[in-house]
């Protein structure tokens, strides 16, 4: 039985936050995480584009979850520029016989994400 080491990297970019249906003023942030099956040996690394910000309003990473910067919402239909980039990198150790199955699953995930984004 051979083992294959692979790396999968996802990048999520948040450009704008458009308040469509929030009825309360306040402070909001977007959180994103990546779940990997516990049956697969893996190491998850989550980073933001700019980890130098030490303030409470800057983006950050905690326990594999990436947090965007905090934005203040005051009005309905308000558009706020966020410009945060989140990067998820997963290092996997896989059974060599199942690599082709993983590639098919990744292609289906990519197709699902593209269709989901185009619906917006």
N, C-alpha and C. Protein backbone atom coordinates (compact mmCIF):
# COMPACT_ATOMS: atom_id res chain seq x y z
N UNK A 1 0.85 -1.18 0.00
CA UNK A 1 0.00 0.00 0.00
C UNK A 1 0.90 1.24 0.00
N UNK A 2 0.71 2.10 -0.98
CA UNK A 2 1.50 3.33 -1.06
C UNK A 2 0.69 4.50 -0.53
N UNK A 3 1.40 5.49 -0.03
CA UNK A 3 0.75 6.70 0.48
C UNK A 3 1.18 7.88 -0.37
N UNK A 4 0.26 8.81 -0.53
CA UNK A 4 0.50 10.00 -1.33
C UNK A 4 0.25 11.22 -0.45
N UNK A 5 1.19 12.15 -0.49
CA UNK A 5 1.00 13.40 0.24
C UNK A 5 0.52 14.45 -0.75
N UNK A 6 -0.55 15.14 -0.39
CA UNK A 6 -1.09 16.17 -1.26
C UNK A 6 -1.39 17.44 -0.50
N UNK A 7 -1.47 18.52 -1.23
CA UNK A 7 -1.81 19.81 -0.64
C UNK A 7 -2.94 20.42 -1.45
N UNK A 8 -3.98 20.85 -0.74
CA UNK A 8 -5.12 21.52 -1.36
C UNK A 8 -5.20 22.91 -0.74
N UNK A 9 -5.34 23.92 -1.59
CA UNK A 9 -5.39 25.29 -1.10
C UNK A 9 -6.62 26.00 -1.64
N UNK A 10 -7.38 26.62 -0.72
CA UNK A 10 -8.56 27.40 -1.08
C UNK A 10 -8.32 28.83 -0.65
N UNK A 11 -8.77 29.75 -1.48
CA UNK A 11 -8.66 31.17 -1.16
C UNK A 11 -10.05 31.78 -1.25
N UNK A 12 -10.43 32.53 -0.22
CA UNK A 12 -11.72 33.21 -0.18
C UNK A 12 -11.43 34.70 -0.07
N UNK A 13 -11.96 35.47 -1.01
CA UNK A 13 -11.75 36.92 -1.00
C UNK A 13 -13.08 37.61 -0.76
N UNK A 14 -13.11 38.46 0.25
CA UNK A 14 -14.31 39.24 0.56
C UNK A 14 -14.06 40.67 0.10
N UNK A 15 -14.78 41.08 -0.92
CA UNK A 15 -14.57 42.43 -1.44
C UNK A 15 -15.51 43.43 -0.78
N UNK A 16 -16.80 43.14 -0.81
CA UNK A 16 -17.78 44.09 -0.27
C UNK A 16 -18.80 43.37 0.60
N UNK A 17 -19.31 44.09 1.57
CA UNK A 17 -20.41 43.61 2.41
C UNK A 17 -21.60 44.51 2.12
N UNK A 18 -22.67 43.92 1.61
CA UNK A 18 -23.87 44.68 1.27
C UNK A 18 -24.97 44.31 2.25
N UNK A 19 -25.42 45.28 3.02
CA UNK A 19 -26.46 45.05 4.01
C UNK A 19 -27.81 45.05 3.30
N UNK A 20 -28.40 43.87 3.17
CA UNK A 20 -29.68 43.76 2.48
C UNK A 20 -30.81 43.62 3.48
N UNK A 21 -30.62 42.79 4.49
CA UNK A 21 -31.75 42.41 5.33
C UNK A 21 -31.44 42.47 6.83
N UNK A 22 -30.44 43.20 7.25
CA UNK A 22 -30.17 43.33 8.68
C UNK A 22 -30.95 44.51 9.22
N UNK A 23 -31.72 44.26 10.26
CA UNK A 23 -32.59 45.31 10.79
C UNK A 23 -31.99 46.03 11.98
N UNK A 24 -30.86 45.56 12.48
CA UNK A 24 -30.25 46.21 13.64
C UNK A 24 -28.90 46.81 13.26
N UNK A 25 -28.68 47.99 13.78
CA UNK A 25 -27.35 48.59 13.65
C UNK A 25 -26.41 47.84 14.56
N UNK A 26 -25.14 47.82 14.19
CA UNK A 26 -24.18 47.14 15.04
C UNK A 26 -22.91 46.81 14.30
N UNK A 27 -22.11 45.99 14.95
CA UNK A 27 -20.83 45.57 14.40
C UNK A 27 -20.95 44.11 13.96
N UNK A 28 -20.46 43.82 12.75
CA UNK A 28 -20.57 42.49 12.18
C UNK A 28 -19.23 42.06 11.61
N UNK A 29 -19.04 40.74 11.54
CA UNK A 29 -17.86 40.18 10.90
C UNK A 29 -18.23 38.86 10.24
N UNK A 30 -17.45 38.49 9.23
CA UNK A 30 -17.67 37.24 8.51
C UNK A 30 -16.65 36.23 9.01
N UNK A 31 -17.11 35.02 9.30
CA UNK A 31 -16.23 33.94 9.74
C UNK A 31 -16.29 32.81 8.73
N UNK A 32 -15.14 32.21 8.45
CA UNK A 32 -15.09 31.10 7.50
C UNK A 32 -14.14 30.03 8.03
N UNK A 33 -14.52 28.79 7.80
CA UNK A 33 -13.69 27.66 8.22
C UNK A 33 -13.77 26.55 7.18
N UNK A 34 -12.85 25.64 7.24
CA UNK A 34 -12.81 24.51 6.31
C UNK A 34 -12.82 23.23 7.14
N UNK A 35 -13.78 22.36 6.85
CA UNK A 35 -13.88 21.10 7.58
C UNK A 35 -13.27 19.98 6.73
N UNK A 36 -12.46 19.18 7.37
CA UNK A 36 -11.84 18.03 6.73
C UNK A 36 -12.27 16.79 7.51
N UNK A 37 -12.53 15.72 6.81
CA UNK A 37 -12.96 14.48 7.45
C UNK A 37 -11.92 14.02 8.47
N UNK A 38 -12.36 13.65 9.67
CA UNK A 38 -11.39 13.18 10.67
C UNK A 38 -10.77 11.83 10.31
N UNK A 39 -11.33 11.14 9.33
CA UNK A 39 -10.78 9.85 8.91
C UNK A 39 -9.50 10.01 8.09
N UNK A 40 -9.27 11.20 7.56
CA UNK A 40 -8.10 11.46 6.72
C UNK A 40 -7.05 12.17 7.56
N UNK A 41 -5.82 11.66 7.52
CA UNK A 41 -4.74 12.35 8.21
C UNK A 41 -4.48 13.67 7.50
N UNK A 42 -4.53 14.77 8.25
CA UNK A 42 -4.39 16.07 7.61
C UNK A 42 -3.83 17.09 8.60
N UNK A 43 -3.39 18.18 8.02
CA UNK A 43 -2.97 19.35 8.80
C UNK A 43 -3.56 20.56 8.10
N UNK A 44 -4.35 21.33 8.83
CA UNK A 44 -5.03 22.50 8.28
C UNK A 44 -4.31 23.76 8.72
N UNK A 45 -3.99 24.62 7.75
CA UNK A 45 -3.36 25.91 8.04
C UNK A 45 -4.27 26.99 7.47
N UNK A 46 -4.71 27.89 8.32
CA UNK A 46 -5.57 28.99 7.89
C UNK A 46 -4.83 30.30 8.16
N UNK A 47 -4.81 31.18 7.16
CA UNK A 47 -4.13 32.46 7.29
C UNK A 47 -4.97 33.56 6.67
N UNK A 48 -4.63 34.79 7.01
CA UNK A 48 -5.23 35.94 6.37
C UNK A 48 -4.15 36.64 5.57
N UNK A 49 -4.59 37.55 4.73
CA UNK A 49 -3.64 38.27 3.87
C UNK A 49 -2.71 39.13 4.72
N UNK A 50 -3.23 39.71 5.77
CA UNK A 50 -2.44 40.64 6.59
C UNK A 50 -2.61 40.26 8.05
N UNK A 51 -1.66 39.48 8.59
CA UNK A 51 -1.72 39.09 10.00
C UNK A 51 -0.99 40.08 10.90
N UNK A 52 -0.57 41.22 10.37
CA UNK A 52 0.19 42.16 11.17
C UNK A 52 -0.70 43.03 12.05
N UNK A 53 -1.99 43.11 11.75
CA UNK A 53 -2.87 43.94 12.54
C UNK A 53 -3.09 43.36 13.92
N UNK A 54 -2.84 44.14 14.93
CA UNK A 54 -2.99 43.67 16.31
C UNK A 54 -4.27 44.19 16.95
N UNK A 55 -5.00 45.05 16.27
CA UNK A 55 -6.19 45.64 16.85
C UNK A 55 -7.37 44.68 16.83
N UNK A 56 -8.41 45.02 17.57
CA UNK A 56 -9.60 44.18 17.65
C UNK A 56 -10.39 44.20 16.35
N UNK A 57 -10.23 45.24 15.54
CA UNK A 57 -11.00 45.35 14.31
C UNK A 57 -10.33 44.68 13.11
N UNK A 58 -9.10 44.22 13.26
CA UNK A 58 -8.37 43.65 12.13
C UNK A 58 -8.71 42.16 11.96
N UNK A 59 -8.51 41.61 10.75
CA UNK A 59 -8.80 40.19 10.53
C UNK A 59 -7.82 39.31 11.30
N UNK A 60 -8.25 38.08 11.57
CA UNK A 60 -7.38 37.18 12.32
C UNK A 60 -7.80 35.73 12.18
N UNK A 61 -7.02 34.86 12.83
CA UNK A 61 -7.26 33.42 12.79
C UNK A 61 -7.29 32.91 14.22
N UNK A 62 -8.29 32.07 14.52
CA UNK A 62 -8.35 31.43 15.83
C UNK A 62 -8.92 30.03 15.66
N UNK A 63 -8.17 29.03 16.05
CA UNK A 63 -8.60 27.63 16.04
C UNK A 63 -9.08 27.18 14.66
N UNK A 64 -8.36 27.57 13.61
CA UNK A 64 -8.70 27.15 12.26
C UNK A 64 -9.82 27.92 11.61
N UNK A 65 -10.39 28.90 12.30
CA UNK A 65 -11.44 29.75 11.76
C UNK A 65 -10.84 31.12 11.46
N UNK A 66 -11.13 31.63 10.26
CA UNK A 66 -10.62 32.95 9.86
C UNK A 66 -11.73 33.97 10.04
N UNK A 67 -11.40 35.07 10.68
CA UNK A 67 -12.35 36.15 10.94
C UNK A 67 -12.00 37.35 10.08
N UNK A 68 -13.01 37.94 9.45
CA UNK A 68 -12.78 39.17 8.69
C UNK A 68 -12.66 40.33 9.67
N UNK A 69 -12.32 41.48 9.13
CA UNK A 69 -12.30 42.65 10.00
C UNK A 69 -13.74 43.00 10.38
N UNK A 70 -13.90 43.66 11.49
CA UNK A 70 -15.22 44.02 11.98
C UNK A 70 -15.69 45.28 11.26
N UNK A 71 -16.93 45.24 10.77
CA UNK A 71 -17.49 46.39 10.07
C UNK A 71 -18.72 46.88 10.83
N UNK A 72 -18.94 48.17 10.77
CA UNK A 72 -20.10 48.76 11.43
C UNK A 72 -21.20 48.99 10.40
N UNK A 73 -22.39 48.47 10.71
CA UNK A 73 -23.56 48.63 9.84
C UNK A 73 -24.48 49.66 10.48
N UNK A 74 -24.79 50.69 9.72
CA UNK A 74 -25.67 51.75 10.24
C UNK A 74 -26.99 51.83 9.49
N UNK A 75 -26.98 51.55 8.19
CA UNK A 75 -28.17 51.78 7.37
C UNK A 75 -28.51 50.55 6.54
N UNK A 76 -29.76 50.47 6.16
CA UNK A 76 -30.21 49.41 5.26
C UNK A 76 -29.67 49.71 3.86
N UNK A 77 -29.34 48.68 3.10
CA UNK A 77 -28.75 48.77 1.76
C UNK A 77 -27.41 49.49 1.76
N UNK A 78 -26.71 49.45 2.87
CA UNK A 78 -25.38 50.06 2.97
C UNK A 78 -24.34 49.10 2.40
N UNK A 79 -23.39 49.63 1.67
CA UNK A 79 -22.32 48.82 1.07
C UNK A 79 -20.99 49.23 1.69
N UNK A 80 -20.28 48.25 2.23
CA UNK A 80 -19.01 48.52 2.90
C UNK A 80 -17.92 47.70 2.22
N UNK A 81 -16.79 48.31 1.94
CA UNK A 81 -15.66 47.62 1.35
C UNK A 81 -14.88 46.89 2.44
N UNK A 82 -14.70 45.58 2.28
CA UNK A 82 -14.01 44.77 3.28
C UNK A 82 -12.57 44.48 2.83
N UNK A 83 -12.40 43.95 1.62
CA UNK A 83 -11.09 43.62 1.04
C UNK A 83 -10.23 42.74 1.95
N UNK A 84 -10.80 41.63 2.41
CA UNK A 84 -10.06 40.65 3.19
C UNK A 84 -9.85 39.40 2.34
N UNK A 85 -8.71 38.75 2.53
CA UNK A 85 -8.40 37.52 1.82
C UNK A 85 -8.09 36.44 2.85
N UNK A 86 -8.77 35.30 2.72
CA UNK A 86 -8.57 34.17 3.63
C UNK A 86 -8.00 33.00 2.83
N UNK A 87 -6.98 32.36 3.35
CA UNK A 87 -6.35 31.25 2.65
C UNK A 87 -6.38 30.02 3.56
N UNK A 88 -6.90 28.92 3.02
CA UNK A 88 -6.94 27.65 3.74
C UNK A 88 -6.06 26.66 2.98
N UNK A 89 -5.09 26.08 3.67
CA UNK A 89 -4.19 25.10 3.06
C UNK A 89 -4.29 23.82 3.89
N UNK A 90 -4.58 22.70 3.20
CA UNK A 90 -4.71 21.41 3.86
C UNK A 90 -3.65 20.47 3.29
N UNK A 91 -2.81 19.95 4.18
CA UNK A 91 -1.83 18.94 3.80
C UNK A 91 -2.43 17.58 4.16
N UNK A 92 -2.54 16.70 3.17
CA UNK A 92 -3.21 15.41 3.34
C UNK A 92 -2.24 14.26 3.14
N UNK A 93 -2.47 13.18 3.87
CA UNK A 93 -1.75 11.93 3.67
C UNK A 93 -2.80 10.90 3.28
N UNK A 94 -2.77 10.46 2.02
CA UNK A 94 -3.83 9.63 1.47
C UNK A 94 -3.31 8.27 1.02
N UNK A 95 -4.24 7.34 0.96
CA UNK A 95 -3.96 6.03 0.38
C UNK A 95 -3.79 6.21 -1.13
N UNK A 96 -2.74 5.68 -1.70
CA UNK A 96 -2.45 5.86 -3.11
C UNK A 96 -3.53 5.33 -4.04
N UNK A 97 -4.29 4.33 -3.58
CA UNK A 97 -5.33 3.75 -4.42
C UNK A 97 -6.55 4.66 -4.52
N UNK A 98 -6.71 5.60 -3.61
CA UNK A 98 -7.91 6.44 -3.58
C UNK A 98 -7.67 7.86 -4.11
N UNK A 99 -6.52 8.12 -4.67
CA UNK A 99 -6.21 9.47 -5.15
C UNK A 99 -7.12 9.87 -6.30
N UNK A 100 -7.42 8.96 -7.21
CA UNK A 100 -8.29 9.31 -8.33
C UNK A 100 -9.69 9.66 -7.85
N UNK A 101 -10.18 8.97 -6.82
CA UNK A 101 -11.48 9.30 -6.24
C UNK A 101 -11.47 10.70 -5.64
N UNK A 102 -10.37 11.05 -4.97
CA UNK A 102 -10.26 12.39 -4.39
C UNK A 102 -10.26 13.46 -5.48
N UNK A 103 -9.59 13.21 -6.58
CA UNK A 103 -9.57 14.19 -7.67
C UNK A 103 -10.96 14.41 -8.24
N UNK A 104 -11.75 13.36 -8.37
CA UNK A 104 -13.12 13.49 -8.86
C UNK A 104 -13.94 14.30 -7.86
N UNK A 105 -13.76 14.04 -6.56
CA UNK A 105 -14.51 14.78 -5.54
C UNK A 105 -14.14 16.26 -5.55
N UNK A 106 -12.85 16.57 -5.75
CA UNK A 106 -12.44 17.97 -5.81
C UNK A 106 -13.01 18.66 -7.04
N UNK A 107 -13.07 17.97 -8.17
CA UNK A 107 -13.69 18.54 -9.37
C UNK A 107 -15.16 18.83 -9.14
N UNK A 108 -15.86 17.92 -8.46
CA UNK A 108 -17.28 18.14 -8.16
C UNK A 108 -17.46 19.31 -7.20
N UNK A 109 -16.56 19.43 -6.20
CA UNK A 109 -16.63 20.55 -5.27
C UNK A 109 -16.41 21.87 -6.01
N UNK A 110 -15.45 21.90 -6.92
CA UNK A 110 -15.19 23.11 -7.70
C UNK A 110 -16.41 23.47 -8.54
N UNK A 111 -17.03 22.48 -9.17
CA UNK A 111 -18.23 22.71 -9.97
C UNK A 111 -19.36 23.25 -9.10
N UNK A 112 -19.52 22.68 -7.90
CA UNK A 112 -20.57 23.13 -6.98
C UNK A 112 -20.33 24.58 -6.57
N UNK A 113 -19.07 24.93 -6.27
CA UNK A 113 -18.77 26.31 -5.86
C UNK A 113 -19.02 27.28 -7.01
N UNK A 114 -18.65 26.91 -8.23
CA UNK A 114 -18.86 27.80 -9.37
C UNK A 114 -20.35 28.01 -9.62
N UNK A 115 -21.14 26.94 -9.56
CA UNK A 115 -22.58 27.06 -9.76
C UNK A 115 -23.20 27.90 -8.65
N UNK A 116 -22.77 27.68 -7.41
CA UNK A 116 -23.31 28.44 -6.28
C UNK A 116 -22.99 29.92 -6.38
N UNK A 117 -21.80 30.26 -6.83
CA UNK A 117 -21.42 31.66 -6.96
C UNK A 117 -22.19 32.32 -8.10
N UNK A 118 -22.39 31.61 -9.19
CA UNK A 118 -23.11 32.18 -10.33
C UNK A 118 -24.58 32.42 -10.02
N UNK A 119 -25.16 31.68 -9.08
CA UNK A 119 -26.55 31.90 -8.71
C UNK A 119 -26.73 33.23 -8.00
N UNK A 120 -25.68 33.70 -7.32
CA UNK A 120 -25.78 34.97 -6.62
C UNK A 120 -25.88 36.07 -7.63
